[in-house]
Amino acid sequence: MATSTTLTEPEFWLRGPIEGISPFLQPAAHALLQSNMELVHYTANFPNHLLWERPSGCASVGFHIQHLTGVLDRIMTYARGKSLTEQQFQFLKQEGESNPDLTVSILVKNFHDKVEEAIDLFKSLPESELTQAREVGRKKLPSTVLGLLTHAAEHSQRHIGQMLVTIRVLE
C-alpha cells in the first residue's frame, strides 16, 4: 500500500478505485487510506514527550492513535464473525494509558499495519458477504459486514480530526 507524507496529492477518494476491492467497500478503503496518510503527515514532527498530554482534559494524541488501531482491529474481528480475544480486551483497557515504551513512530506503524490488514480483508470479501449479519460486543448488537467496515472508516476519520486539534493545541 503506497502512502505519502505529503497532502498535496488528491485525497484517496479522488484517486480512483483500488484494484481488487468491491465498489461497495471503496469509500471505506479510501477513508482508511486517507486516515493513514493524514496520521503520518500530522505526526511527522510531533514530539514523543507530548504523546500522553491531555490539554484541558482532552484525549491524548497517544490515545487517539491507539484507539484508531484498536477499533479497526476489533471491527475486523466482528466483521469476520468472531468474538474478541483476551488480548484485544487487554489492548482496549490500555488505550490512552501513558506508556514510555511507546513512541509516535511505533504507534503510527501499528496503525499503518492494521490498515494494510484491513485493505487485505476488503480484497478478500466477496460482495455476497457484505450484507451478512454480524453481532457487535458483549451485548451482541446487530450490524452487517458492510456496516462494520463503513463504521471503522468513518470512526478513523473522526479520530484523526480530533487528534489534529489536540496536536495544534499542544504545539
N, C-alpha and C. Protein backbone atom coordinates (compact mmCIF):
# COMPACT_ATOMS: atom_id res chain seq x y z
N MET A 1 0.85 -1.16 0.00
CA MET A 1 0.00 0.00 0.00
C MET A 1 0.89 1.22 0.00
N ALA A 2 0.71 2.08 -0.95
CA ALA A 2 1.51 3.28 -1.03
C ALA A 2 0.87 4.39 -0.20
N THR A 3 1.65 4.98 0.68
CA THR A 3 1.19 6.15 1.41
C THR A 3 2.21 7.25 1.22
N SER A 4 1.77 8.44 1.45
CA SER A 4 2.63 9.58 1.26
C SER A 4 2.52 10.50 2.46
N THR A 5 3.58 11.21 2.76
CA THR A 5 3.51 12.17 3.86
C THR A 5 3.16 13.56 3.35
N THR A 6 2.89 13.70 2.10
CA THR A 6 2.51 14.99 1.56
C THR A 6 1.00 15.03 1.37
N LEU A 7 0.43 16.19 1.64
CA LEU A 7 -1.01 16.33 1.44
C LEU A 7 -1.30 17.14 0.18
N THR A 8 -0.33 17.20 -0.72
CA THR A 8 -0.54 17.93 -1.97
C THR A 8 -1.23 17.07 -3.02
N GLU A 9 -1.21 15.77 -2.84
CA GLU A 9 -1.91 14.87 -3.76
C GLU A 9 -3.40 14.93 -3.48
N PRO A 10 -4.23 14.53 -4.44
CA PRO A 10 -5.67 14.47 -4.16
C PRO A 10 -5.96 13.47 -3.03
N GLU A 11 -7.05 13.70 -2.35
CA GLU A 11 -7.47 12.74 -1.33
C GLU A 11 -7.71 11.40 -2.01
N PHE A 12 -7.64 10.33 -1.21
CA PHE A 12 -7.73 8.99 -1.79
C PHE A 12 -9.02 8.75 -2.56
N TRP A 13 -10.12 9.34 -2.15
CA TRP A 13 -11.38 9.10 -2.85
C TRP A 13 -11.37 9.71 -4.24
N LEU A 14 -10.41 10.61 -4.51
CA LEU A 14 -10.30 11.22 -5.83
C LEU A 14 -9.23 10.58 -6.70
N ARG A 15 -8.66 9.49 -6.24
CA ARG A 15 -7.59 8.82 -6.98
C ARG A 15 -8.08 7.61 -7.77
N GLY A 16 -9.36 7.35 -7.70
CA GLY A 16 -9.90 6.23 -8.46
C GLY A 16 -10.02 4.98 -7.61
N PRO A 17 -10.61 3.95 -8.20
CA PRO A 17 -10.84 2.72 -7.45
C PRO A 17 -9.53 2.00 -7.09
N ILE A 18 -9.61 1.29 -5.99
CA ILE A 18 -8.49 0.46 -5.54
C ILE A 18 -8.72 -0.93 -6.09
N GLU A 19 -7.77 -1.40 -6.85
CA GLU A 19 -7.90 -2.68 -7.52
C GLU A 19 -8.19 -3.80 -6.53
N GLY A 20 -9.16 -4.63 -6.90
CA GLY A 20 -9.46 -5.82 -6.11
C GLY A 20 -10.45 -5.61 -4.98
N ILE A 21 -10.95 -4.37 -4.83
CA ILE A 21 -11.89 -4.08 -3.75
C ILE A 21 -13.26 -3.78 -4.37
N SER A 22 -14.29 -4.38 -3.78
CA SER A 22 -15.66 -4.18 -4.24
C SER A 22 -15.99 -2.69 -4.29
N PRO A 23 -16.79 -2.28 -5.27
CA PRO A 23 -17.23 -0.88 -5.31
C PRO A 23 -17.94 -0.46 -4.02
N PHE A 24 -18.60 -1.40 -3.36
CA PHE A 24 -19.30 -1.09 -2.12
C PHE A 24 -18.35 -0.76 -0.97
N LEU A 25 -17.12 -1.26 -1.04
CA LEU A 25 -16.13 -1.01 0.01
C LEU A 25 -15.12 0.08 -0.35
N GLN A 26 -15.22 0.60 -1.58
CA GLN A 26 -14.27 1.65 -2.00
C GLN A 26 -14.28 2.85 -1.04
N PRO A 27 -15.44 3.39 -0.66
CA PRO A 27 -15.42 4.55 0.24
C PRO A 27 -14.73 4.25 1.58
N ALA A 28 -14.96 3.08 2.12
CA ALA A 28 -14.32 2.72 3.39
C ALA A 28 -12.82 2.55 3.21
N ALA A 29 -12.41 1.92 2.12
CA ALA A 29 -10.98 1.75 1.86
C ALA A 29 -10.31 3.11 1.66
N HIS A 30 -10.95 3.98 0.91
CA HIS A 30 -10.40 5.32 0.69
C HIS A 30 -10.26 6.07 2.02
N ALA A 31 -11.27 5.99 2.87
CA ALA A 31 -11.22 6.71 4.15
C ALA A 31 -10.11 6.17 5.05
N LEU A 32 -9.92 4.86 5.07
CA LEU A 32 -8.84 4.30 5.89
C LEU A 32 -7.47 4.70 5.36
N LEU A 33 -7.30 4.67 4.05
CA LEU A 33 -6.03 5.09 3.47
C LEU A 33 -5.79 6.58 3.71
N GLN A 34 -6.84 7.38 3.65
CA GLN A 34 -6.72 8.81 3.94
C GLN A 34 -6.33 9.02 5.40
N SER A 35 -6.96 8.29 6.30
CA SER A 35 -6.61 8.40 7.73
C SER A 35 -5.14 8.05 7.94
N ASN A 36 -4.70 6.99 7.29
CA ASN A 36 -3.31 6.57 7.42
C ASN A 36 -2.37 7.66 6.93
N MET A 37 -2.66 8.22 5.76
CA MET A 37 -1.81 9.26 5.20
C MET A 37 -1.79 10.50 6.10
N GLU A 38 -2.94 10.90 6.60
CA GLU A 38 -3.01 12.08 7.45
C GLU A 38 -2.30 11.83 8.78
N LEU A 39 -2.42 10.65 9.33
CA LEU A 39 -1.72 10.32 10.57
C LEU A 39 -0.22 10.46 10.39
N VAL A 40 0.30 9.92 9.31
CA VAL A 40 1.74 10.04 9.02
C VAL A 40 2.12 11.51 8.90
N HIS A 41 1.33 12.26 8.16
CA HIS A 41 1.63 13.68 7.92
C HIS A 41 1.60 14.50 9.21
N TYR A 42 0.52 14.39 9.96
CA TYR A 42 0.32 15.26 11.13
C TYR A 42 1.20 14.90 12.32
N THR A 43 1.71 13.68 12.34
CA THR A 43 2.58 13.28 13.46
C THR A 43 4.05 13.25 13.09
N ALA A 44 4.38 13.64 11.86
CA ALA A 44 5.77 13.54 11.38
C ALA A 44 6.77 14.21 12.31
N ASN A 45 6.44 15.35 12.87
CA ASN A 45 7.36 16.06 13.76
C ASN A 45 6.81 16.20 15.17
N PHE A 46 5.82 15.40 15.50
CA PHE A 46 5.22 15.50 16.83
C PHE A 46 6.16 14.88 17.86
N PRO A 47 6.47 15.61 18.93
CA PRO A 47 7.44 15.11 19.91
C PRO A 47 6.85 14.03 20.83
N ASN A 48 7.65 13.02 21.08
CA ASN A 48 7.23 11.91 21.94
C ASN A 48 6.85 12.38 23.35
N HIS A 49 7.49 13.41 23.85
CA HIS A 49 7.22 13.84 25.22
C HIS A 49 5.82 14.45 25.39
N LEU A 50 5.16 14.76 24.28
CA LEU A 50 3.79 15.29 24.34
C LEU A 50 2.73 14.22 24.04
N LEU A 51 3.16 13.02 23.77
CA LEU A 51 2.26 11.96 23.30
C LEU A 51 1.09 11.70 24.25
N TRP A 52 1.32 11.79 25.54
CA TRP A 52 0.28 11.43 26.51
C TRP A 52 -0.32 12.65 27.22
N GLU A 53 0.03 13.85 26.76
CA GLU A 53 -0.52 15.07 27.34
C GLU A 53 -2.00 15.19 26.99
N ARG A 54 -2.78 15.70 27.97
CA ARG A 54 -4.23 15.84 27.78
C ARG A 54 -4.63 17.29 28.02
N PRO A 55 -4.46 18.14 27.03
CA PRO A 55 -4.79 19.55 27.23
C PRO A 55 -6.28 19.75 27.52
N SER A 56 -6.54 20.48 28.60
CA SER A 56 -7.94 20.75 29.01
C SER A 56 -8.75 19.47 29.18
N GLY A 57 -8.09 18.37 29.52
CA GLY A 57 -8.78 17.11 29.75
C GLY A 57 -9.13 16.34 28.49
N CYS A 58 -8.72 16.85 27.32
CA CYS A 58 -9.00 16.14 26.06
C CYS A 58 -8.19 14.85 25.99
N ALA A 59 -8.61 13.96 25.14
CA ALA A 59 -7.87 12.72 24.93
C ALA A 59 -6.49 13.05 24.35
N SER A 60 -5.51 12.28 24.76
CA SER A 60 -4.14 12.50 24.28
C SER A 60 -3.98 12.04 22.84
N VAL A 61 -2.93 12.54 22.20
CA VAL A 61 -2.59 12.09 20.85
C VAL A 61 -2.33 10.59 20.88
N GLY A 62 -1.63 10.11 21.92
CA GLY A 62 -1.36 8.68 22.05
C GLY A 62 -2.64 7.86 22.10
N PHE A 63 -3.63 8.36 22.87
CA PHE A 63 -4.91 7.65 22.92
C PHE A 63 -5.53 7.55 21.53
N HIS A 64 -5.59 8.67 20.82
CA HIS A 64 -6.23 8.65 19.50
C HIS A 64 -5.57 7.63 18.58
N ILE A 65 -4.25 7.58 18.57
CA ILE A 65 -3.57 6.65 17.67
C ILE A 65 -3.81 5.21 18.10
N GLN A 66 -3.72 4.95 19.41
CA GLN A 66 -4.00 3.59 19.90
C GLN A 66 -5.44 3.21 19.59
N HIS A 67 -6.36 4.14 19.80
CA HIS A 67 -7.78 3.86 19.59
C HIS A 67 -8.08 3.58 18.12
N LEU A 68 -7.46 4.35 17.23
CA LEU A 68 -7.61 4.08 15.79
C LEU A 68 -7.26 2.63 15.48
N THR A 69 -6.13 2.20 16.01
CA THR A 69 -5.64 0.84 15.75
C THR A 69 -6.55 -0.19 16.40
N GLY A 70 -6.90 0.04 17.66
CA GLY A 70 -7.72 -0.92 18.40
C GLY A 70 -9.11 -1.08 17.82
N VAL A 71 -9.75 0.02 17.47
CA VAL A 71 -11.09 -0.05 16.89
C VAL A 71 -11.06 -0.81 15.57
N LEU A 72 -10.09 -0.49 14.74
CA LEU A 72 -10.01 -1.17 13.45
C LEU A 72 -9.81 -2.67 13.65
N ASP A 73 -8.97 -3.04 14.58
CA ASP A 73 -8.75 -4.45 14.88
C ASP A 73 -10.03 -5.13 15.38
N ARG A 74 -10.71 -4.47 16.31
CA ARG A 74 -11.94 -5.06 16.87
C ARG A 74 -13.04 -5.16 15.81
N ILE A 75 -13.19 -4.14 15.01
CA ILE A 75 -14.24 -4.15 13.97
C ILE A 75 -13.97 -5.27 12.95
N MET A 76 -12.71 -5.44 12.58
CA MET A 76 -12.40 -6.52 11.63
C MET A 76 -12.70 -7.88 12.25
N THR A 77 -12.48 -8.02 13.54
CA THR A 77 -12.81 -9.28 14.22
C THR A 77 -14.30 -9.55 14.12
N TYR A 78 -15.11 -8.53 14.43
CA TYR A 78 -16.56 -8.69 14.32
C TYR A 78 -16.99 -8.95 12.87
N ALA A 79 -16.37 -8.26 11.93
CA ALA A 79 -16.72 -8.46 10.52
C ALA A 79 -16.44 -9.89 10.07
N ARG A 80 -15.42 -10.50 10.66
CA ARG A 80 -15.11 -11.90 10.35
C ARG A 80 -16.04 -12.88 11.08
N GLY A 81 -16.94 -12.33 11.90
CA GLY A 81 -17.89 -13.16 12.64
C GLY A 81 -17.30 -13.79 13.88
N LYS A 82 -16.24 -13.21 14.40
CA LYS A 82 -15.57 -13.77 15.58
C LYS A 82 -15.78 -12.87 16.79
N SER A 83 -15.47 -13.41 17.96
CA SER A 83 -15.51 -12.66 19.21
C SER A 83 -14.13 -12.13 19.52
N LEU A 84 -14.10 -11.09 20.34
CA LEU A 84 -12.82 -10.53 20.74
C LEU A 84 -12.05 -11.50 21.63
N THR A 85 -10.73 -11.43 21.52
CA THR A 85 -9.86 -12.27 22.34
C THR A 85 -9.50 -11.52 23.62
N GLU A 86 -8.94 -12.23 24.56
CA GLU A 86 -8.48 -11.61 25.80
C GLU A 86 -7.42 -10.54 25.50
N GLN A 87 -6.57 -10.80 24.52
CA GLN A 87 -5.55 -9.83 24.13
C GLN A 87 -6.19 -8.53 23.63
N GLN A 88 -7.26 -8.65 22.88
CA GLN A 88 -7.95 -7.46 22.39
C GLN A 88 -8.60 -6.68 23.53
N PHE A 89 -9.17 -7.39 24.51
CA PHE A 89 -9.74 -6.72 25.68
C PHE A 89 -8.65 -6.00 26.47
N GLN A 90 -7.50 -6.62 26.59
CA GLN A 90 -6.37 -6.01 27.30
C GLN A 90 -5.90 -4.75 26.57
N PHE A 91 -5.82 -4.81 25.24
CA PHE A 91 -5.44 -3.64 24.45
C PHE A 91 -6.43 -2.50 24.70
N LEU A 92 -7.72 -2.84 24.70
CA LEU A 92 -8.76 -1.85 24.92
C LEU A 92 -8.59 -1.17 26.27
N LYS A 93 -8.31 -1.93 27.31
CA LYS A 93 -8.11 -1.37 28.65
C LYS A 93 -6.93 -0.41 28.70
N GLN A 94 -5.92 -0.65 27.87
CA GLN A 94 -4.70 0.14 27.93
C GLN A 94 -4.70 1.33 26.97
N GLU A 95 -5.73 1.46 26.17
CA GLU A 95 -5.78 2.59 25.24
C GLU A 95 -5.76 3.90 26.02
N GLY A 96 -4.78 4.71 25.73
CA GLY A 96 -4.67 6.03 26.35
C GLY A 96 -3.85 6.08 27.61
N GLU A 97 -3.44 4.93 28.12
CA GLU A 97 -2.59 4.94 29.31
C GLU A 97 -1.17 5.32 28.90
N SER A 98 -0.60 6.24 29.63
CA SER A 98 0.76 6.68 29.34
C SER A 98 1.70 5.48 29.38
N ASN A 99 2.50 5.35 28.34
CA ASN A 99 3.44 4.24 28.24
C ASN A 99 4.73 4.76 27.62
N PRO A 100 5.79 4.91 28.45
CA PRO A 100 7.04 5.47 27.92
C PRO A 100 7.72 4.58 26.88
N ASP A 101 7.31 3.32 26.78
CA ASP A 101 7.89 2.42 25.77
C ASP A 101 7.32 2.66 24.38
N LEU A 102 6.20 3.37 24.31
CA LEU A 102 5.58 3.64 23.02
C LEU A 102 6.02 5.01 22.53
N THR A 103 6.32 5.07 21.25
CA THR A 103 6.69 6.33 20.61
C THR A 103 5.69 6.62 19.51
N VAL A 104 5.75 7.83 19.01
CA VAL A 104 4.88 8.21 17.90
C VAL A 104 5.09 7.26 16.74
N SER A 105 6.35 6.98 16.40
CA SER A 105 6.62 6.14 15.23
C SER A 105 6.11 4.71 15.43
N ILE A 106 6.20 4.18 16.63
CA ILE A 106 5.67 2.83 16.89
C ILE A 106 4.16 2.83 16.72
N LEU A 107 3.49 3.81 17.30
CA LEU A 107 2.03 3.86 17.22
C LEU A 107 1.55 4.07 15.78
N VAL A 108 2.24 4.93 15.04
CA VAL A 108 1.87 5.17 13.64
C VAL A 108 2.07 3.89 12.82
N LYS A 109 3.16 3.19 13.05
CA LYS A 109 3.41 1.93 12.33
C LYS A 109 2.34 0.89 12.67
N ASN A 110 1.94 0.82 13.93
CA ASN A 110 0.89 -0.14 14.32
C ASN A 110 -0.40 0.13 13.56
N PHE A 111 -0.77 1.42 13.43
CA PHE A 111 -1.98 1.74 12.68
C PHE A 111 -1.80 1.43 11.20
N HIS A 112 -0.65 1.80 10.65
CA HIS A 112 -0.36 1.50 9.24
C HIS A 112 -0.53 0.00 8.97
N ASP A 113 0.04 -0.83 9.84
CA ASP A 113 -0.06 -2.28 9.65
C ASP A 113 -1.51 -2.75 9.71
N LYS A 114 -2.29 -2.15 10.61
CA LYS A 114 -3.70 -2.54 10.74
C LYS A 114 -4.49 -2.10 9.51
N VAL A 115 -4.16 -0.95 8.94
CA VAL A 115 -4.83 -0.52 7.71
C VAL A 115 -4.49 -1.47 6.57
N GLU A 116 -3.25 -1.88 6.47
CA GLU A 116 -2.88 -2.87 5.43
C GLU A 116 -3.67 -4.16 5.61
N GLU A 117 -3.82 -4.59 6.86
CA GLU A 117 -4.61 -5.80 7.13
C GLU A 117 -6.07 -5.59 6.70
N ALA A 118 -6.60 -4.40 6.97
CA ALA A 118 -7.98 -4.11 6.59
C ALA A 118 -8.14 -4.12 5.07
N ILE A 119 -7.21 -3.51 4.36
CA ILE A 119 -7.28 -3.49 2.89
C ILE A 119 -7.22 -4.92 2.35
N ASP A 120 -6.38 -5.75 2.94
CA ASP A 120 -6.33 -7.16 2.54
C ASP A 120 -7.67 -7.86 2.80
N LEU A 121 -8.28 -7.56 3.94
CA LEU A 121 -9.60 -8.13 4.25
C LEU A 121 -10.62 -7.66 3.21
N PHE A 122 -10.62 -6.37 2.90
CA PHE A 122 -11.55 -5.83 1.91
C PHE A 122 -11.41 -6.57 0.58
N LYS A 123 -10.17 -6.85 0.19
CA LYS A 123 -9.93 -7.53 -1.08
C LYS A 123 -10.41 -8.98 -1.05
N SER A 124 -10.44 -9.58 0.12
CA SER A 124 -10.82 -11.00 0.22
C SER A 124 -12.32 -11.21 0.37
N LEU A 125 -13.07 -10.14 0.64
CA LEU A 125 -14.50 -10.29 0.90
C LEU A 125 -15.32 -10.31 -0.39
N PRO A 126 -16.05 -11.39 -0.61
CA PRO A 126 -16.97 -11.38 -1.76
C PRO A 126 -18.16 -10.46 -1.44
N GLU A 127 -18.68 -9.81 -2.46
CA GLU A 127 -19.81 -8.90 -2.26
C GLU A 127 -20.99 -9.59 -1.57
N SER A 128 -21.15 -10.87 -1.81
CA SER A 128 -22.28 -11.60 -1.21
C SER A 128 -22.21 -11.63 0.31
N GLU A 129 -21.03 -11.40 0.89
CA GLU A 129 -20.89 -11.41 2.35
C GLU A 129 -21.18 -10.06 2.99
N LEU A 130 -21.20 -9.00 2.21
CA LEU A 130 -21.27 -7.66 2.78
C LEU A 130 -22.56 -7.40 3.56
N THR A 131 -23.65 -8.04 3.17
CA THR A 131 -24.92 -7.82 3.87
C THR A 131 -25.19 -8.86 4.96
N GLN A 132 -24.23 -9.75 5.18
CA GLN A 132 -24.42 -10.76 6.22
C GLN A 132 -24.44 -10.10 7.60
N ALA A 133 -25.34 -10.60 8.44
CA ALA A 133 -25.49 -10.07 9.79
C ALA A 133 -24.26 -10.40 10.63
N ARG A 134 -23.91 -9.46 11.48
CA ARG A 134 -22.82 -9.63 12.45
C ARG A 134 -23.27 -9.04 13.77
N GLU A 135 -22.72 -9.58 14.86
CA GLU A 135 -23.02 -9.09 16.19
C GLU A 135 -21.82 -8.34 16.73
N VAL A 136 -22.11 -7.27 17.48
CA VAL A 136 -21.06 -6.40 17.99
C VAL A 136 -21.08 -6.39 19.51
N GLY A 137 -19.94 -6.70 20.09
CA GLY A 137 -19.77 -6.56 21.53
C GLY A 137 -20.46 -7.63 22.35
N ARG A 138 -20.32 -7.44 23.66
CA ARG A 138 -20.92 -8.39 24.60
C ARG A 138 -22.44 -8.40 24.53
N LYS A 139 -23.02 -7.26 24.16
CA LYS A 139 -24.47 -7.16 24.04
C LYS A 139 -24.97 -7.72 22.72
N LYS A 140 -24.03 -8.08 21.83
CA LYS A 140 -24.37 -8.66 20.53
C LYS A 140 -25.33 -7.77 19.75
N LEU A 141 -24.95 -6.51 19.65
CA LEU A 141 -25.77 -5.54 18.91
C LEU A 141 -25.70 -5.85 17.41
N PRO A 142 -26.79 -5.61 16.69
CA PRO A 142 -26.84 -6.02 15.28
C PRO A 142 -26.10 -5.06 14.35
N SER A 143 -25.44 -5.64 13.37
CA SER A 143 -24.82 -4.89 12.28
C SER A 143 -24.68 -5.84 11.10
N THR A 144 -23.96 -5.38 10.10
CA THR A 144 -23.62 -6.21 8.95
C THR A 144 -22.12 -6.03 8.69
N VAL A 145 -21.58 -6.87 7.84
CA VAL A 145 -20.17 -6.72 7.48
C VAL A 145 -19.94 -5.33 6.90
N LEU A 146 -20.79 -4.91 5.97
CA LEU A 146 -20.65 -3.59 5.36
C LEU A 146 -20.80 -2.48 6.40
N GLY A 147 -21.75 -2.62 7.28
CA GLY A 147 -21.95 -1.62 8.33
C GLY A 147 -20.73 -1.49 9.23
N LEU A 148 -20.16 -2.60 9.60
CA LEU A 148 -18.97 -2.59 10.45
C LEU A 148 -17.79 -1.91 9.77
N LEU A 149 -17.53 -2.29 8.54
CA LEU A 149 -16.36 -1.75 7.84
C LEU A 149 -16.54 -0.27 7.50
N THR A 150 -17.78 0.12 7.22
CA THR A 150 -18.06 1.53 7.00
C THR A 150 -17.84 2.32 8.28
N HIS A 151 -18.29 1.77 9.40
CA HIS A 151 -18.09 2.43 10.69
C HIS A 151 -16.60 2.56 11.02
N ALA A 152 -15.83 1.53 10.77
CA ALA A 152 -14.39 1.59 11.05
C ALA A 152 -13.75 2.75 10.30
N ALA A 153 -14.18 2.94 9.06
CA ALA A 153 -13.60 4.00 8.23
C ALA A 153 -14.01 5.39 8.73
N GLU A 154 -15.30 5.59 8.99
CA GLU A 154 -15.73 6.91 9.44
C GLU A 154 -15.21 7.20 10.84
N HIS A 155 -15.10 6.20 11.66
CA HIS A 155 -14.57 6.37 13.01
C HIS A 155 -13.11 6.81 12.96
N SER A 156 -12.36 6.24 12.03
CA SER A 156 -10.94 6.62 11.91
C SER A 156 -10.83 8.08 11.49
N GLN A 157 -11.67 8.51 10.56
CA GLN A 157 -11.63 9.90 10.13
C GLN A 157 -11.97 10.85 11.29
N ARG A 158 -12.95 10.46 12.10
CA ARG A 158 -13.35 11.30 13.24
C ARG A 158 -12.19 11.47 14.22
N HIS A 159 -11.50 10.38 14.52
CA HIS A 159 -10.40 10.48 15.48
C HIS A 159 -9.17 11.19 14.91
N ILE A 160 -8.95 11.08 13.62
CA ILE A 160 -7.87 11.86 13.01
C ILE A 160 -8.16 13.34 13.20
N GLY A 161 -9.38 13.76 12.99
CA GLY A 161 -9.75 15.17 13.18
C GLY A 161 -9.58 15.61 14.62
N GLN A 162 -10.04 14.78 15.57
CA GLN A 162 -9.88 15.13 16.97
C GLN A 162 -8.41 15.20 17.35
N MET A 163 -7.62 14.26 16.85
CA MET A 163 -6.18 14.23 17.14
C MET A 163 -5.51 15.48 16.59
N LEU A 164 -5.89 15.91 15.40
CA LEU A 164 -5.28 17.08 14.78
C LEU A 164 -5.51 18.32 15.66
N VAL A 165 -6.71 18.47 16.21
CA VAL A 165 -6.97 19.60 17.09
C VAL A 165 -6.07 19.52 18.32
N THR A 166 -5.93 18.35 18.90
CA THR A 166 -5.06 18.18 20.08
C THR A 166 -3.62 18.52 19.74
N ILE A 167 -3.16 18.06 18.58
CA ILE A 167 -1.79 18.38 18.15
C ILE A 167 -1.61 19.89 18.04
N ARG A 168 -2.56 20.56 17.42
CA ARG A 168 -2.44 22.02 17.24
C ARG A 168 -2.42 22.74 18.59
N VAL A 169 -3.19 22.28 19.55
CA VAL A 169 -3.21 22.89 20.88
C VAL A 169 -1.86 22.68 21.58
N LEU A 170 -1.28 21.50 21.42
CA LEU A 170 -0.04 21.17 22.12
C LEU A 170 1.21 21.79 21.50
N GLU A 171 1.20 22.03 20.21
CA GLU A 171 2.42 22.52 19.55
C GLU A 171 2.55 24.03 19.60
